[in-house]
C-alpha atoms as a PDB file:
ATOM      1  CA  MET A   1      77.555 100.920 203.763  1.00  0.00           C
ATOM      2  CA  LYS A   2      75.276  99.394 201.217  1.00  0.00           C
ATOM      3  CA  PRO A   3      74.869  95.601 201.447  1.00  0.00           C
ATOM      4  CA  ILE A   4      75.845  94.988 197.816  1.00  0.00           C
ATOM      5  CA  PHE A   5      79.080  96.903 198.387  1.00  0.00           C
ATOM      6  CA  VAL A   6      79.948  94.771 201.427  1.00  0.00           C
ATOM      7  CA  PHE A   7      79.097  91.615 199.466  1.00  0.00           C
ATOM      8  CA  CYS A   8      81.482  92.690 196.698  1.00  0.00           C
ATOM      9  CA  ILE A   9      84.180  93.438 199.299  1.00  0.00           C
ATOM     10  CA  THR A  10      83.952  89.842 200.586  1.00  0.00           C
ATOM     11  CA  LEU A  11      84.451  88.532 197.054  1.00  0.00           C
ATOM     12  CA  LEU A  12      87.295  90.965 196.414  1.00  0.00           C
ATOM     13  CA  THR A  13      88.941  89.942 199.686  1.00  0.00           C
ATOM     14  CA  ALA A  14      88.729  86.292 198.640  1.00  0.00           C
ATOM     15  CA  LEU A  15      90.364  87.139 195.310  1.00  0.00           C
ATOM     16  CA  MET A  16      93.118  89.056 197.084  1.00  0.00           C
ATOM     17  CA  LEU A  17      93.758  86.080 199.373  1.00  0.00           C
ATOM     18  CA  GLU A  18      93.975  83.871 196.266  1.00  0.00           C
ATOM     19  CA  ALA A  19      96.682  86.187 194.922  1.00  0.00           C
ATOM     20  CA  VAL A  20      98.861  86.043 198.046  1.00  0.00           C
ATOM     21  CA  PRO A  21     102.135  84.330 197.101  1.00  0.00           C
ATOM     22  CA  PHE A  22     103.013  81.149 198.972  1.00  0.00           C
ATOM     23  CA  PRO A  23     106.458  79.603 199.405  1.00  0.00           C
ATOM     24  CA  GLU A  24     107.083  76.608 197.172  1.00  0.00           C
ATOM     25  CA  GLU A  25     107.211  74.259 200.180  1.00  0.00           C
ATOM     26  CA  LEU A  26     103.761  75.365 201.419  1.00  0.00           C
ATOM     27  CA  VAL A  27     101.900  75.584 198.115  1.00  0.00           C
ATOM     28  CA  TRP A  28      99.965  72.388 198.915  1.00  0.00           C
ATOM     29  CA  PHE A  29      98.592  73.977 202.089  1.00  0.00           C
ATOM     30  CA  ARG A  30      96.988  76.959 200.349  1.00  0.00           C
ATOM     31  CA  PRO A  31      93.224  77.067 200.999  1.00  0.00           C
ATOM     32  CA  GLU A  32      90.743  77.744 198.227  1.00  0.00           C
ATOM     33  CA  TRP A  33      89.610  81.152 199.474  1.00  0.00           C
ATOM     34  CA  ALA A  34      87.427  82.127 196.529  1.00  0.00           C
ATOM     35  CA  LEU A  35      85.622  78.811 196.557  1.00  0.00           C
ATOM     36  CA  LEU A  36      85.147  79.037 200.317  1.00  0.00           C
ATOM     37  CA  VAL A  37      83.507  82.453 200.060  1.00  0.00           C
ATOM     38  CA  ILE A  38      81.313  81.569 197.083  1.00  0.00           C
ATOM     39  CA  LEU A  39      80.117  78.412 198.837  1.00  0.00           C
ATOM     40  CA  TYR A  40      79.146  80.420 201.897  1.00  0.00           C
ATOM     41  CA  TRP A  41      77.122  82.840 199.799  1.00  0.00           C
ATOM     42  CA  VAL A  42      75.460  80.019 197.855  1.00  0.00           C
ATOM     43  CA  ILE A  43      74.376  78.402 201.135  1.00  0.00           C
ATOM     44  CA  ALA A  44      73.345  81.696 202.765  1.00  0.00           C
ATOM     45  CA  LEU A  45      71.619  83.314 199.762  1.00  0.00           C
ATOM     46  CA  PRO A  46      70.792  80.503 197.308  1.00  0.00           C
ATOM     47  CA  PHE A  47      68.263  82.537 195.313  1.00  0.00           C
ATOM     48  CA  ARG A  48      70.593  85.496 194.814  1.00  0.00           C
ATOM     49  CA  VAL A  49      74.005  83.862 194.466  1.00  0.00           C
ATOM     50  CA  GLY A  50      74.464  80.917 192.164  1.00  0.00           C
ATOM     51  CA  VAL A  51      76.338  79.426 189.279  1.00  0.00           C
ATOM     52  CA  GLY A  52      76.620  82.701 187.341  1.00  0.00           C
ATOM     53  CA  LEU A  53      78.600  84.368 190.084  1.00  0.00           C
ATOM     54  CA  ALA A  54      80.624  81.181 190.603  1.00  0.00           C
ATOM     55  CA  TRP A  55      81.487  81.193 186.896  1.00  0.00           C
ATOM     56  CA  PHE A  56      82.581  84.849 187.040  1.00  0.00           C
ATOM     57  CA  LEU A  57      84.642  84.312 190.189  1.00  0.00           C
ATOM     58  CA  GLY A  58      86.254  81.270 188.571  1.00  0.00           C
ATOM     59  CA  LEU A  59      87.262  83.408 185.591  1.00  0.00           C
ATOM     60  CA  MET A  60      88.800  85.949 187.951  1.00  0.00           C
ATOM     61  CA  VAL A  61      90.782  83.198 189.703  1.00  0.00           C
ATOM     62  CA  ASP A  62      91.970  81.927 186.311  1.00  0.00           C
ATOM     63  CA  LEU A  63      93.188  85.406 185.430  1.00  0.00           C
ATOM     64  CA  LEU A  64      94.889  85.829 188.810  1.00  0.00           C
ATOM     65  CA  GLN A  65      96.687  82.499 188.716  1.00  0.00           C
ATOM     66  CA  GLY A  66      97.530  82.586 185.036  1.00  0.00           C
ATOM     67  CA  GLY A  67      95.927  79.251 184.286  1.00  0.00           C
ATOM     68  CA  ILE A  68      93.767  78.094 181.455  1.00  0.00           C
ATOM     69  CA  ILE A  69      90.770  80.381 181.068  1.00  0.00           C
ATOM     70  CA  GLY A  70      87.704  78.462 182.198  1.00  0.00           C
ATOM     71  CA  GLN A  71      89.435  75.801 184.283  1.00  0.00           C
ATOM     72  CA  HIS A  72      88.339  77.176 187.646  1.00  0.00           C
ATOM     73  CA  SER A  73      85.066  78.408 186.184  1.00  0.00           C
ATOM     74  CA  LEU A  74      84.124  74.864 185.244  1.00  0.00           C
ATOM     75  CA  THR A  75      84.812  73.470 188.690  1.00  0.00           C
ATOM     76  CA  TYR A  76      83.268  76.424 190.526  1.00  0.00           C
ATOM     77  CA  VAL A  77      80.047  76.044 188.534  1.00  0.00           C
ATOM     78  CA  ILE A  78      79.866  72.305 189.242  1.00  0.00           C
ATOM     79  CA  ILE A  79      80.456  72.838 192.951  1.00  0.00           C
ATOM     80  CA  ALA A  80      78.143  75.858 193.272  1.00  0.00           C
ATOM     81  CA  TYR A  81      75.370  73.909 191.551  1.00  0.00           C
ATOM     82  CA  THR A  82      75.881  70.940 193.876  1.00  0.00           C
ATOM     83  CA  CYS A  83      75.849  73.244 196.878  1.00  0.00           C
ATOM     84  CA  ALA A  84      72.716  75.050 195.631  1.00  0.00           C
ATOM     85  CA  VAL A  85      70.899  71.740 195.248  1.00  0.00           C
ATOM     86  CA  PHE A  86      71.739  70.661 198.798  1.00  0.00           C
ATOM     87  CA  TYR A  87      71.598  74.058 200.540  1.00  0.00           C
ATOM     88  CA  LYS A  88      68.586  73.187 202.723  1.00  0.00           C
ATOM     89  CA  ARG A  89      70.250  70.038 203.957  1.00  0.00           C
ATOM     90  CA  LEU A  90      73.581  71.817 204.496  1.00  0.00           C
ATOM     91  CA  ARG A  91      71.952  74.447 206.676  1.00  0.00           C
ATOM     92  CA  MET A  92      70.743  71.752 209.080  1.00  0.00           C
ATOM     93  CA  TYR A  93      74.203  70.287 209.649  1.00  0.00           C
ATOM     94  CA  HIS A  94      76.596  71.410 212.348  1.00  0.00           C
ATOM     95  CA  ARG A  95      79.492  73.547 211.191  1.00  0.00           C
ATOM     96  CA  TRP A  96      82.010  70.698 211.422  1.00  0.00           C
ATOM     97  CA  GLN A  97      79.685  68.518 209.310  1.00  0.00           C
ATOM     98  CA  GLN A  98      79.387  71.334 206.815  1.00  0.00           C
ATOM     99  CA  GLY A  99      83.173  71.550 206.847  1.00  0.00           C
ATOM    100  CA  PHE A 100      83.388  67.879 205.907  1.00  0.00           C
ATOM    101  CA  PHE A 101      80.962  68.456 203.008  1.00  0.00           C
ATOM    102  CA  ILE A 102      82.957  71.520 201.928  1.00  0.00           C
ATOM    103  CA  CYS A 103      86.094  69.366 202.049  1.00  0.00           C
ATOM    104  CA  LEU A 104      84.446  66.881 199.693  1.00  0.00           C
ATOM    105  CA  LEU A 105      83.351  69.620 197.300  1.00  0.00           C
ATOM    106  CA  VAL A 106      86.790  71.225 197.258  1.00  0.00           C
ATOM    107  CA  SER A 107      88.266  67.746 196.674  1.00  0.00           C
ATOM    108  CA  ILE A 108      86.183  67.550 193.511  1.00  0.00           C
ATOM    109  CA  ASN A 109      87.583  70.946 192.533  1.00  0.00           C
ATOM    110  CA  GLN A 110      91.135  69.780 193.162  1.00  0.00           C
ATOM    111  CA  LEU A 111      90.606  66.526 191.269  1.00  0.00           C
ATOM    112  CA  VAL A 112      89.176  68.207 188.165  1.00  0.00           C
ATOM    113  CA  ASP A 113      91.958  70.815 188.248  1.00  0.00           C
ATOM    114  CA  PHE A 114      94.518  68.013 188.539  1.00  0.00           C
ATOM    115  CA  TRP A 115      92.990  66.116 185.616  1.00  0.00           C
ATOM    116  CA  ILE A 116      93.180  69.184 183.404  1.00  0.00           C
ATOM    117  CA  ASP A 117      96.748  69.993 184.484  1.00  0.00           C
ATOM    118  CA  HIS A 118      97.842  66.360 184.104  1.00  0.00           C
ATOM    119  CA  TYR A 119      96.314  66.144 180.643  1.00  0.00           C
ATOM    120  CA  LEU A 120      98.315  69.220 179.653  1.00  0.00           C
ATOM    121  CA  GLY A 121     101.477  67.802 181.224  1.00  0.00           C
ATOM    122  CA  HIS A 122     101.761  70.333 184.049  1.00  0.00           C
ATOM    123  CA  ALA A 123     101.131  68.029 187.035  1.00  0.00           C
ATOM    124  CA  GLU A 124     102.342  64.724 188.398  1.00  0.00           C
ATOM    125  CA  PRO A 125     100.112  62.370 190.409  1.00  0.00           C
ATOM    126  CA  THR A 126     100.287  62.865 194.175  1.00  0.00           C
ATOM    127  CA  LEU A 127      97.842  62.657 197.053  1.00  0.00           C
ATOM    128  CA  MET A 128      98.897  66.126 198.150  1.00  0.00           C
ATOM    129  CA  ILE A 129      96.407  67.573 195.653  1.00  0.00           C
ATOM    130  CA  PHE A 130      93.739  66.977 198.313  1.00  0.00           C
ATOM    131  CA  MET A 131      95.540  68.947 201.035  1.00  0.00           C
ATOM    132  CA  PRO A 132      93.946  72.301 200.018  1.00  0.00           C
ATOM    133  CA  ALA A 133      90.555  70.616 200.398  1.00  0.00           C
ATOM    134  CA  VAL A 134      91.398  69.508 203.930  1.00  0.00           C
ATOM    135  CA  ILE A 135      92.690  72.972 204.860  1.00  0.00           C
ATOM    136  CA  THR A 136      89.607  74.631 203.351  1.00  0.00           C
ATOM    137  CA  GLY A 137      87.309  72.246 205.215  1.00  0.00           C
ATOM    138  CA  LEU A 138      89.108  73.035 208.471  1.00  0.00           C
ATOM    139  CA  LEU A 139      88.770  76.776 207.821  1.00  0.00           C
ATOM    140  CA  TRP A 140      85.047  76.496 207.082  1.00  0.00           C
ATOM    141  CA  PRO A 141      83.700  76.950 210.653  1.00  0.00           C
ATOM    142  CA  TRP A 142      85.685  80.156 211.230  1.00  0.00           C
ATOM    143  CA  SER A 143      84.970  81.615 207.817  1.00  0.00           C
ATOM    144  CA  PHE A 144      81.288  80.736 208.282  1.00  0.00           C
ATOM    145  CA  ILE A 145      81.192  82.660 211.567  1.00  0.00           C
ATOM    146  CA  ILE A 146      82.975  85.677 210.076  1.00  0.00           C
ATOM    147  CA  LEU A 147      80.869  85.830 206.914  1.00  0.00           C
ATOM    148  CA  ARG A 148      77.621  85.245 208.805  1.00  0.00           C
ATOM    149  CA  SER A 149      78.391  88.102 211.174  1.00  0.00           C
ATOM    150  CA  VAL A 150      79.232  90.352 208.193  1.00  0.00           C
ATOM    151  CA  ARG A 151      75.945  89.331 206.554  1.00  0.00           C
ATOM    152  CA  ARG A 152      73.976  90.089 209.721  1.00  0.00           C
ATOM    153  CA  ILE A 153      75.706  93.380 210.572  1.00  0.00           C
ATOM    154  CA  TYR A 154      75.207  94.804 207.083  1.00  0.00           C
ATOM    155  CA  ALA A 155      71.806  93.124 206.524  1.00  0.00           C
ATOM    156  CA  ILE A 156      72.824  91.421 203.294  1.00  0.00           C
ATOM    157  CA  ARG A 157      69.752  89.679 201.903  1.00  0.00           C
END
């Protein structure tokens, strides 16, 4: 398989996981799959993957979830840029430390999404908006291992 094809499959898989329906009781425990995958690729390949791809993936998530066009794109660009600035430092951390940083970045995503939804009258204030960030941060070490092995097996550079 060609490396670019495998790279696109990882992004497509993340979008498919974003589209998986969750029960109403567990909606707060849904991880941010697309953001998790884009953050891995920004850290692993910072000169090839950046804010442009984050913007496009954010648009795809907006279309999948039926939200306001550009809402996820805005937050994905902010977070991808932050991650691209600190990618050298992030690579030196242990995976659990990276997971904590990913949790903080996804918290920013959740907060901006909440602000937009609250401004439009679609959301009520609750601390549960940060639960997807915690779940995503906890999933980071395993997703890092899986995506790194995919990158190494298929020589994605």
